[in-house]
Amino acid sequence: MARLVRDPIDPGSAAAIARPGDGAVLTFLGVVRDSSRGRPVRAIEYQAYEAMAVRELARIEEEIRRESPGIAVDIVHRIGYLKAGEAAVLIAVAAPHRAEGFEALRRAVERVKESVPIWKKEIYIDGEAWI
């Protein structure tokens, strides 16, 4: 289910991950902030090594499922030009119980940030910088 998209992310799509035995559907929605490092941010441009990024997102999903049997996980990351306030990443986890769902979601979020080859350029009022 892991994927990169160029169109806006629909947070409501996370509900589709739920299965009849799940008691919790948990989501993380990462959005573009309007400031960073003390500077106002107008937008962010995300670029990715797309084939590798999709493989890495899928690997993270599989890792989470292997570590937490019974967990479903879906990761979608947007690339391209995003204005402040727009969703950049949606990670959804479905689990029979909330505690293991929250833990799996936290691990997925951290791993996406650590290892997926996606780069961002922050676009400020007075310039821009690759982060």
N, C-alpha and C. Protein backbone atom coordinates (compact mmCIF):
# COMPACT_ATOMS: atom_id res chain seq x y z
N MET A 1 0.81 -1.20 0.00
CA MET A 1 0.00 0.00 0.00
C MET A 1 0.86 1.27 0.00
N ALA A 2 2.12 1.17 0.35
CA ALA A 2 3.01 2.33 0.41
C ALA A 2 3.03 3.04 -0.93
N ARG A 3 2.99 4.38 -0.88
CA ARG A 3 3.00 5.12 -2.14
C ARG A 3 3.40 6.57 -1.95
N LEU A 4 3.87 7.14 -3.06
CA LEU A 4 4.13 8.56 -3.18
C LEU A 4 3.02 9.13 -4.05
N VAL A 5 2.56 10.32 -3.72
CA VAL A 5 1.50 10.95 -4.51
C VAL A 5 1.87 12.40 -4.78
N ARG A 6 1.30 12.94 -5.82
CA ARG A 6 1.49 14.35 -6.14
C ARG A 6 0.23 15.17 -5.81
N ASP A 7 -0.88 14.50 -5.68
CA ASP A 7 -2.15 15.17 -5.37
C ASP A 7 -2.33 15.27 -3.86
N PRO A 8 -3.21 16.17 -3.41
CA PRO A 8 -3.46 16.30 -1.97
C PRO A 8 -3.85 14.97 -1.33
N ILE A 9 -3.41 14.80 -0.10
CA ILE A 9 -3.72 13.60 0.68
C ILE A 9 -5.07 13.80 1.36
N ASP A 10 -5.93 12.80 1.27
CA ASP A 10 -7.23 12.83 1.95
C ASP A 10 -7.09 12.11 3.29
N PRO A 11 -7.10 12.85 4.41
CA PRO A 11 -6.95 12.20 5.72
C PRO A 11 -8.05 11.16 5.99
N GLY A 12 -9.22 11.35 5.42
CA GLY A 12 -10.32 10.41 5.61
C GLY A 12 -10.06 9.05 5.00
N SER A 13 -9.11 8.97 4.09
CA SER A 13 -8.82 7.69 3.45
C SER A 13 -8.22 6.69 4.43
N ALA A 14 -7.73 7.15 5.57
CA ALA A 14 -7.14 6.25 6.56
C ALA A 14 -8.14 5.24 7.09
N ALA A 15 -9.41 5.58 7.11
CA ALA A 15 -10.43 4.67 7.63
C ALA A 15 -10.50 3.38 6.83
N ALA A 16 -10.08 3.40 5.58
CA ALA A 16 -10.16 2.21 4.72
C ALA A 16 -9.26 1.08 5.21
N ILE A 17 -8.32 1.37 6.08
CA ILE A 17 -7.40 0.34 6.57
C ILE A 17 -8.06 -0.57 7.60
N ALA A 18 -9.15 -0.14 8.21
CA ALA A 18 -9.79 -0.88 9.30
C ALA A 18 -10.35 -2.22 8.83
N ARG A 19 -10.19 -3.22 9.70
CA ARG A 19 -10.73 -4.56 9.47
C ARG A 19 -11.73 -4.87 10.57
N PRO A 20 -12.59 -5.87 10.39
CA PRO A 20 -13.62 -6.13 11.39
C PRO A 20 -13.13 -6.34 12.81
N GLY A 21 -11.94 -6.90 13.01
CA GLY A 21 -11.44 -7.16 14.35
C GLY A 21 -10.67 -6.02 14.98
N ASP A 22 -10.56 -4.91 14.27
CA ASP A 22 -9.79 -3.78 14.79
C ASP A 22 -10.62 -2.92 15.73
N GLY A 23 -10.01 -2.58 16.86
CA GLY A 23 -10.65 -1.68 17.80
C GLY A 23 -10.08 -0.28 17.74
N ALA A 24 -9.02 -0.10 16.93
CA ALA A 24 -8.38 1.21 16.84
C ALA A 24 -7.85 1.45 15.43
N VAL A 25 -8.13 2.62 14.90
CA VAL A 25 -7.50 3.11 13.69
C VAL A 25 -6.84 4.42 14.09
N LEU A 26 -5.53 4.44 14.00
CA LEU A 26 -4.75 5.58 14.46
C LEU A 26 -4.04 6.21 13.27
N THR A 27 -3.95 7.53 13.28
CA THR A 27 -3.31 8.20 12.15
C THR A 27 -2.32 9.25 12.63
N PHE A 28 -1.31 9.44 11.80
CA PHE A 28 -0.40 10.56 11.93
C PHE A 28 -0.51 11.33 10.63
N LEU A 29 -0.82 12.60 10.72
CA LEU A 29 -0.90 13.48 9.56
C LEU A 29 0.14 14.56 9.74
N GLY A 30 1.21 14.47 8.97
CA GLY A 30 2.25 15.50 9.01
C GLY A 30 1.91 16.61 8.04
N VAL A 31 1.89 17.83 8.52
CA VAL A 31 1.52 18.98 7.70
C VAL A 31 2.67 19.98 7.62
N VAL A 32 2.65 20.77 6.58
CA VAL A 32 3.66 21.80 6.38
C VAL A 32 3.40 22.95 7.36
N ARG A 33 4.40 23.23 8.19
CA ARG A 33 4.29 24.34 9.16
C ARG A 33 4.49 25.67 8.44
N ASP A 34 4.01 26.74 9.08
CA ASP A 34 4.19 28.07 8.50
C ASP A 34 5.45 28.76 9.01
N SER A 35 6.26 28.03 9.79
CA SER A 35 7.54 28.59 10.24
C SER A 35 8.51 27.44 10.52
N SER A 36 9.79 27.74 10.38
CA SER A 36 10.83 26.77 10.67
C SER A 36 12.13 27.52 10.96
N ARG A 37 12.80 27.10 12.03
CA ARG A 37 14.06 27.73 12.41
C ARG A 37 13.92 29.25 12.56
N GLY A 38 12.77 29.68 13.07
CA GLY A 38 12.53 31.09 13.31
C GLY A 38 12.20 31.91 12.07
N ARG A 39 11.95 31.25 10.94
CA ARG A 39 11.65 31.97 9.69
C ARG A 39 10.26 31.58 9.21
N PRO A 40 9.51 32.52 8.64
CA PRO A 40 8.21 32.18 8.07
C PRO A 40 8.37 31.32 6.82
N VAL A 41 7.57 30.26 6.73
CA VAL A 41 7.62 29.34 5.59
C VAL A 41 6.34 29.50 4.77
N ARG A 42 6.50 29.73 3.47
CA ARG A 42 5.35 29.81 2.57
C ARG A 42 4.96 28.43 2.05
N ALA A 43 5.99 27.59 1.78
CA ALA A 43 5.74 26.30 1.17
C ALA A 43 6.96 25.41 1.35
N ILE A 44 6.79 24.15 0.99
CA ILE A 44 7.90 23.19 0.95
C ILE A 44 7.80 22.45 -0.37
N GLU A 45 8.95 22.22 -0.96
CA GLU A 45 9.01 21.37 -2.15
C GLU A 45 9.67 20.06 -1.74
N TYR A 46 8.93 18.95 -1.88
CA TYR A 46 9.48 17.63 -1.57
C TYR A 46 9.92 16.97 -2.86
N GLN A 47 11.13 16.42 -2.84
CA GLN A 47 11.63 15.62 -3.96
C GLN A 47 12.06 14.28 -3.40
N ALA A 48 12.00 13.26 -4.25
CA ALA A 48 12.35 11.92 -3.80
C ALA A 48 13.07 11.16 -4.89
N TYR A 49 13.88 10.23 -4.48
CA TYR A 49 14.36 9.20 -5.37
C TYR A 49 13.21 8.20 -5.36
N GLU A 50 12.27 8.37 -6.30
CA GLU A 50 10.95 7.75 -6.19
C GLU A 50 10.96 6.23 -6.07
N ALA A 51 11.67 5.53 -6.93
CA ALA A 51 11.66 4.07 -6.86
C ALA A 51 12.19 3.59 -5.51
N MET A 52 13.28 4.19 -5.05
CA MET A 52 13.85 3.79 -3.77
C MET A 52 12.95 4.20 -2.61
N ALA A 53 12.33 5.37 -2.69
CA ALA A 53 11.45 5.83 -1.61
C ALA A 53 10.26 4.91 -1.45
N VAL A 54 9.65 4.49 -2.55
CA VAL A 54 8.50 3.58 -2.46
C VAL A 54 8.94 2.24 -1.87
N ARG A 55 10.09 1.73 -2.30
CA ARG A 55 10.59 0.47 -1.73
C ARG A 55 10.84 0.60 -0.24
N GLU A 56 11.39 1.73 0.18
CA GLU A 56 11.68 1.94 1.60
C GLU A 56 10.39 2.08 2.41
N LEU A 57 9.41 2.79 1.88
CA LEU A 57 8.11 2.89 2.57
C LEU A 57 7.49 1.51 2.72
N ALA A 58 7.54 0.70 1.67
CA ALA A 58 6.99 -0.66 1.72
C ALA A 58 7.76 -1.52 2.72
N ARG A 59 9.09 -1.35 2.77
CA ARG A 59 9.90 -2.10 3.73
C ARG A 59 9.50 -1.74 5.16
N ILE A 60 9.28 -0.46 5.41
CA ILE A 60 8.86 -0.02 6.75
C ILE A 60 7.51 -0.62 7.10
N GLU A 61 6.58 -0.59 6.18
CA GLU A 61 5.27 -1.21 6.44
C GLU A 61 5.43 -2.68 6.80
N GLU A 62 6.22 -3.41 6.02
CA GLU A 62 6.42 -4.83 6.28
C GLU A 62 7.10 -5.06 7.62
N GLU A 63 8.07 -4.25 7.95
CA GLU A 63 8.76 -4.34 9.24
C GLU A 63 7.78 -4.17 10.40
N ILE A 64 6.93 -3.17 10.29
CA ILE A 64 5.95 -2.91 11.36
C ILE A 64 4.99 -4.10 11.49
N ARG A 65 4.54 -4.64 10.36
CA ARG A 65 3.64 -5.80 10.40
C ARG A 65 4.34 -7.01 11.02
N ARG A 66 5.61 -7.22 10.70
CA ARG A 66 6.36 -8.35 11.23
C ARG A 66 6.59 -8.18 12.74
N GLU A 67 6.91 -6.98 13.17
CA GLU A 67 7.17 -6.72 14.59
C GLU A 67 5.90 -6.75 15.43
N SER A 68 4.79 -6.41 14.82
CA SER A 68 3.52 -6.31 15.54
C SER A 68 2.45 -7.09 14.79
N PRO A 69 2.44 -8.42 14.95
CA PRO A 69 1.44 -9.23 14.25
C PRO A 69 0.02 -8.73 14.55
N GLY A 70 -0.79 -8.74 13.53
CA GLY A 70 -2.18 -8.27 13.68
C GLY A 70 -2.36 -6.80 13.37
N ILE A 71 -1.25 -6.10 13.10
CA ILE A 71 -1.30 -4.67 12.79
C ILE A 71 -1.37 -4.49 11.28
N ALA A 72 -2.19 -3.57 10.83
CA ALA A 72 -2.20 -3.14 9.42
C ALA A 72 -1.61 -1.74 9.39
N VAL A 73 -0.85 -1.44 8.35
CA VAL A 73 -0.23 -0.12 8.25
C VAL A 73 -0.24 0.34 6.80
N ASP A 74 -0.43 1.64 6.62
CA ASP A 74 -0.43 2.25 5.29
C ASP A 74 0.29 3.59 5.39
N ILE A 75 1.25 3.80 4.47
CA ILE A 75 2.02 5.04 4.47
C ILE A 75 1.90 5.69 3.10
N VAL A 76 1.54 6.96 3.09
CA VAL A 76 1.49 7.73 1.85
C VAL A 76 2.22 9.05 2.10
N HIS A 77 3.12 9.40 1.18
CA HIS A 77 3.88 10.64 1.31
C HIS A 77 3.68 11.44 0.03
N ARG A 78 3.45 12.71 0.18
CA ARG A 78 3.26 13.59 -0.97
C ARG A 78 4.60 14.17 -1.38
N ILE A 79 4.78 14.33 -2.68
CA ILE A 79 5.95 15.02 -3.20
C ILE A 79 5.47 16.17 -4.08
N GLY A 80 6.38 17.09 -4.35
CA GLY A 80 6.03 18.28 -5.13
C GLY A 80 5.94 19.49 -4.23
N TYR A 81 5.22 20.49 -4.70
CA TYR A 81 5.11 21.79 -4.04
C TYR A 81 3.88 21.79 -3.12
N LEU A 82 4.10 22.01 -1.83
CA LEU A 82 3.02 22.04 -0.85
C LEU A 82 3.04 23.36 -0.10
N LYS A 83 1.91 23.99 0.01
CA LYS A 83 1.80 25.23 0.77
C LYS A 83 1.68 24.93 2.26
N ALA A 84 1.99 25.93 3.07
CA ALA A 84 1.83 25.79 4.52
C ALA A 84 0.39 25.34 4.81
N GLY A 85 0.28 24.36 5.70
CA GLY A 85 -1.03 23.83 6.08
C GLY A 85 -1.43 22.57 5.33
N GLU A 86 -0.76 22.27 4.22
CA GLU A 86 -1.12 21.08 3.45
C GLU A 86 -0.48 19.83 4.05
N ALA A 87 -1.15 18.68 3.88
CA ALA A 87 -0.65 17.41 4.40
C ALA A 87 0.49 16.89 3.54
N ALA A 88 1.59 16.52 4.21
CA ALA A 88 2.75 15.97 3.51
C ALA A 88 2.85 14.46 3.65
N VAL A 89 2.42 13.92 4.77
CA VAL A 89 2.50 12.47 4.99
C VAL A 89 1.32 12.02 5.84
N LEU A 90 0.81 10.85 5.48
CA LEU A 90 -0.26 10.20 6.24
C LEU A 90 0.19 8.79 6.54
N ILE A 91 0.24 8.46 7.82
CA ILE A 91 0.54 7.10 8.24
C ILE A 91 -0.66 6.62 9.05
N ALA A 92 -1.24 5.51 8.62
CA ALA A 92 -2.40 4.95 9.30
C ALA A 92 -2.06 3.55 9.80
N VAL A 93 -2.53 3.25 11.00
CA VAL A 93 -2.34 1.94 11.61
C VAL A 93 -3.69 1.47 12.12
N ALA A 94 -4.01 0.20 11.84
CA ALA A 94 -5.19 -0.42 12.41
C ALA A 94 -4.73 -1.57 13.30
N ALA A 95 -5.34 -1.66 14.48
CA ALA A 95 -4.91 -2.66 15.45
C ALA A 95 -6.10 -3.13 16.27
N PRO A 96 -6.02 -4.35 16.78
CA PRO A 96 -7.09 -4.82 17.66
C PRO A 96 -7.23 -3.95 18.92
N HIS A 97 -6.10 -3.42 19.42
CA HIS A 97 -6.10 -2.62 20.64
C HIS A 97 -5.26 -1.36 20.45
N ARG A 98 -5.64 -0.29 21.12
CA ARG A 98 -4.99 1.00 20.90
C ARG A 98 -3.53 1.05 21.32
N ALA A 99 -3.16 0.41 22.41
CA ALA A 99 -1.78 0.52 22.91
C ALA A 99 -0.78 0.05 21.87
N GLU A 100 -0.98 -1.15 21.31
CA GLU A 100 -0.03 -1.62 20.31
C GLU A 100 -0.14 -0.82 19.02
N GLY A 101 -1.30 -0.27 18.75
CA GLY A 101 -1.46 0.59 17.58
C GLY A 101 -0.66 1.88 17.72
N PHE A 102 -0.72 2.51 18.88
CA PHE A 102 0.05 3.74 19.09
C PHE A 102 1.55 3.48 18.98
N GLU A 103 2.00 2.37 19.56
CA GLU A 103 3.42 2.05 19.51
C GLU A 103 3.87 1.78 18.07
N ALA A 104 3.08 1.04 17.31
CA ALA A 104 3.42 0.76 15.91
C ALA A 104 3.43 2.06 15.08
N LEU A 105 2.49 2.93 15.34
CA LEU A 105 2.42 4.21 14.62
C LEU A 105 3.66 5.05 14.92
N ARG A 106 4.05 5.12 16.18
CA ARG A 106 5.23 5.89 16.55
C ARG A 106 6.48 5.35 15.85
N ARG A 107 6.63 4.04 15.83
CA ARG A 107 7.79 3.44 15.16
C ARG A 107 7.78 3.75 13.66
N ALA A 108 6.61 3.67 13.04
CA ALA A 108 6.51 3.96 11.61
C ALA A 108 6.89 5.40 11.30
N VAL A 109 6.40 6.34 12.09
CA VAL A 109 6.71 7.76 11.87
C VAL A 109 8.21 7.99 11.97
N GLU A 110 8.84 7.46 13.00
CA GLU A 110 10.28 7.66 13.19
C GLU A 110 11.08 7.05 12.05
N ARG A 111 10.70 5.88 11.59
CA ARG A 111 11.44 5.22 10.52
C ARG A 111 11.30 5.95 9.19
N VAL A 112 10.13 6.49 8.91
CA VAL A 112 9.96 7.27 7.68
C VAL A 112 10.92 8.45 7.71
N LYS A 113 10.96 9.17 8.82
CA LYS A 113 11.83 10.34 8.94
C LYS A 113 13.31 9.96 8.82
N GLU A 114 13.69 8.79 9.33
CA GLU A 114 15.10 8.38 9.36
C GLU A 114 15.62 7.86 8.03
N SER A 115 14.80 7.13 7.27
CA SER A 115 15.41 6.34 6.20
C SER A 115 14.84 6.50 4.80
N VAL A 116 13.76 7.22 4.63
CA VAL A 116 13.18 7.32 3.29
C VAL A 116 13.85 8.47 2.53
N PRO A 117 14.34 8.20 1.31
CA PRO A 117 15.05 9.24 0.55
C PRO A 117 14.11 10.29 -0.06
N ILE A 118 13.63 11.14 0.83
CA ILE A 118 12.78 12.27 0.46
C ILE A 118 13.46 13.52 1.03
N TRP A 119 13.63 14.52 0.17
CA TRP A 119 14.30 15.75 0.59
C TRP A 119 13.32 16.90 0.48
N LYS A 120 13.53 17.91 1.31
CA LYS A 120 12.63 19.06 1.26
C LYS A 120 13.39 20.36 1.13
N LYS A 121 12.82 21.24 0.35
CA LYS A 121 13.31 22.60 0.23
C LYS A 121 12.28 23.50 0.88
N GLU A 122 12.69 24.20 1.93
CA GLU A 122 11.79 25.15 2.58
C GLU A 122 11.83 26.45 1.79
N ILE A 123 10.66 26.96 1.49
CA ILE A 123 10.54 28.20 0.72
C ILE A 123 10.01 29.27 1.67
N TYR A 124 10.88 30.26 1.93
CA TYR A 124 10.56 31.32 2.88
C TYR A 124 10.07 32.55 2.13
N ILE A 125 9.65 33.52 2.87
CA ILE A 125 9.26 34.81 2.30
C ILE A 125 10.46 35.45 1.59
N ASP A 126 11.66 35.23 2.17
CA ASP A 126 12.85 35.92 1.68
C ASP A 126 13.94 34.97 1.18
N GLY A 127 13.59 33.80 0.69
CA GLY A 127 14.58 32.87 0.16
C GLY A 127 14.14 31.44 0.31
N GLU A 128 15.08 30.52 0.18
CA GLU A 128 14.78 29.10 0.29
C GLU A 128 16.03 28.36 0.71
N ALA A 129 15.83 27.14 1.25
CA ALA A 129 16.97 26.32 1.69
C ALA A 129 16.57 24.86 1.64
N TRP A 130 17.50 24.02 1.15
CA TRP A 130 17.31 22.56 1.20
C TRP A 130 17.62 22.09 2.61
N ILE A 131 16.76 21.26 3.14
CA ILE A 131 16.92 20.74 4.51
C ILE A 131 17.25 19.25 4.41
